[in-house]
Amino acid sequence: MNSPPQKSKSHFPLKTKSQSKTDSRGFALVVTLSLMILLTVIAVGMLALNSISLRSAGSSSAQAAACANARLALMLALGELQKSAGPDTRVTATADAVDDKASKTSPLTGVWRSWENTYTQPAC
């Protein structure tokens, strides 16, 4: 009643060459797909960043144009004031520089000659 010795079953059976070749091909496929997904995510991120940069550049150029237009309007207004007031030796001021009550009633602006022979010697 002696039975022949049985071969022990291994938990890790040896693989043949063809099985190990298909396993390495499967691993290469997984690695390749992972790299493709990674590159796609990077490309989408770069496109989003580029889109944001273009939007901010557009808004900053619009802001620069608005600032230049405001400066031009200020220079034109100053030129009109100088044309109305006369030579650069004159001074303009609101009416409250002369009378405190005048500013409350109407917003008037006056023109004074400032340096045209108005200087007098102080009495010592």
Protein backbone atom coordinates (compact mmCIF):
# COMPACT_ATOMS: atom_id res chain seq x y z
CA MET A 1 0.00 0.00 0.00
CA ASN A 2 2.69 2.28 -0.59
CA SER A 3 1.54 4.93 -2.94
CA PRO A 4 3.98 6.67 -5.19
CA PRO A 5 5.25 9.99 -3.86
CA GLN A 6 3.29 12.89 -5.28
CA LYS A 7 4.95 15.91 -6.69
CA SER A 8 4.50 18.96 -4.51
CA LYS A 9 2.38 21.69 -6.00
CA SER A 10 4.15 25.03 -6.00
CA HIS A 11 2.27 28.24 -5.45
CA PHE A 12 4.34 29.87 -8.16
CA PRO A 13 4.50 27.55 -11.10
CA LEU A 14 7.31 28.07 -13.54
CA LYS A 15 6.31 29.95 -16.64
CA THR A 16 7.19 28.98 -20.10
CA LYS A 17 8.86 31.42 -22.49
CA SER A 18 5.65 32.21 -24.33
CA GLN A 19 3.80 33.06 -21.10
CA SER A 20 6.52 35.42 -19.86
CA LYS A 21 6.60 37.12 -23.28
CA THR A 22 2.87 37.89 -23.21
CA ASP A 23 3.15 39.17 -19.63
CA SER A 24 5.91 41.63 -20.61
CA ARG A 25 3.84 42.77 -23.59
CA GLY A 26 0.89 43.41 -21.28
CA PHE A 27 3.12 45.37 -18.91
CA ALA A 28 4.47 47.45 -21.80
CA LEU A 29 0.90 48.19 -22.91
CA VAL A 30 -0.07 49.38 -19.42
CA VAL A 31 3.01 51.59 -19.15
CA THR A 32 2.43 53.06 -22.63
CA LEU A 33 -1.21 53.83 -21.90
CA SER A 34 -0.27 55.43 -18.58
CA LEU A 35 2.29 57.67 -20.27
CA MET A 36 -0.23 58.66 -22.96
CA ILE A 37 -2.77 59.64 -20.29
CA LEU A 38 -0.12 61.63 -18.42
CA LEU A 39 0.89 63.50 -21.58
CA THR A 40 -2.77 64.24 -22.37
CA VAL A 41 -3.35 65.68 -18.89
CA ILE A 42 -0.24 67.87 -19.23
CA ALA A 43 -1.35 69.10 -22.67
CA VAL A 44 -4.84 70.01 -21.41
CA GLY A 45 -3.29 71.85 -18.45
CA MET A 46 -0.98 73.83 -20.71
CA LEU A 47 -3.89 74.80 -22.97
CA ALA A 48 -5.91 76.02 -19.99
CA LEU A 49 -2.95 78.06 -18.72
CA ASN A 50 -2.44 79.59 -22.16
CA SER A 51 -6.12 80.53 -22.35
CA ILE A 52 -5.97 82.28 -18.97
CA SER A 53 -2.82 84.15 -20.00
CA LEU A 54 -4.45 85.39 -23.19
CA ARG A 55 -7.50 86.64 -21.31
CA SER A 56 -5.44 88.53 -18.75
CA ALA A 57 -3.26 90.06 -21.49
CA GLY A 58 -6.41 91.26 -23.28
CA SER A 59 -7.82 92.88 -20.16
CA SER A 60 -4.53 94.58 -19.28
CA SER A 61 -4.23 96.05 -22.79
CA ALA A 62 -7.81 97.36 -22.51
CA GLN A 63 -6.95 98.90 -19.15
CA ALA A 64 -3.84 100.54 -20.63
CA ALA A 65 -5.92 101.99 -23.48
CA ALA A 66 -8.49 103.34 -21.01
CA CYS A 67 -5.74 104.93 -18.93
CA ALA A 68 -4.21 106.57 -22.03
CA ASN A 69 -7.63 107.89 -23.07
CA ALA A 70 -8.22 109.34 -19.61
CA ARG A 71 -4.83 111.05 -19.65
CA LEU A 72 -5.56 112.52 -23.08
CA ALA A 73 -8.94 113.84 -21.87
CA LEU A 74 -7.24 115.42 -18.85
CA MET A 75 -4.64 117.13 -21.04
CA LEU A 76 -7.37 118.44 -23.39
CA ALA A 77 -9.36 119.80 -20.44
CA LEU A 78 -6.26 121.46 -19.00
CA GLY A 79 -5.54 123.03 -22.40
CA GLU A 80 -9.07 124.43 -22.56
CA LEU A 81 -8.70 125.89 -19.06
CA GLN A 82 -5.39 127.50 -19.96
CA LYS A 83 -6.88 128.93 -23.15
CA SER A 84 -9.80 130.44 -21.19
CA ALA A 85 -7.69 131.76 -18.30
CA GLY A 86 -5.03 133.41 -20.43
CA PRO A 87 -1.26 133.40 -20.01
CA ASP A 88 0.48 131.09 -17.52
CA THR A 89 1.01 133.98 -15.11
CA ARG A 90 -2.61 133.76 -13.99
CA VAL A 91 -4.03 131.62 -11.20
CA THR A 92 -7.45 129.98 -11.07
CA ALA A 93 -9.25 129.07 -7.86
CA THR A 94 -12.76 128.36 -6.71
CA ALA A 95 -14.83 131.16 -5.21
CA ASP A 96 -14.40 129.90 -1.65
CA ALA A 97 -10.79 131.15 -1.78
CA VAL A 98 -12.23 134.68 -1.47
CA ASP A 99 -15.52 134.12 0.34
CA ASP A 100 -16.57 131.03 2.33
CA LYS A 101 -20.26 131.62 1.61
CA ALA A 102 -19.79 131.64 -2.17
CA SER A 103 -18.88 127.97 -2.43
CA LYS A 104 -22.14 126.93 -0.83
CA THR A 105 -24.30 128.90 -3.22
CA SER A 106 -22.60 128.41 -6.60
CA PRO A 107 -19.49 126.61 -7.83
CA LEU A 108 -17.72 129.62 -9.37
CA THR A 109 -14.09 129.75 -10.44
CA GLY A 110 -12.10 132.96 -10.59
CA VAL A 111 -8.95 134.01 -12.46
CA TRP A 112 -6.33 136.24 -10.83
CA ARG A 113 -3.20 137.81 -12.18
CA SER A 114 -0.51 136.43 -9.96
CA TRP A 115 2.92 137.71 -10.99
CA GLU A 116 2.20 140.80 -13.05
CA ASN A 117 3.65 143.64 -10.93
CA THR A 118 1.57 142.76 -7.90
CA TYR A 119 4.44 142.22 -5.50
CA THR A 120 4.90 144.96 -2.92
CA GLN A 121 7.71 145.39 -0.47
CA PRO A 122 6.74 144.51 3.11
CA ALA A 123 6.93 147.41 5.57
CA CYS A 124 9.73 146.89 8.05
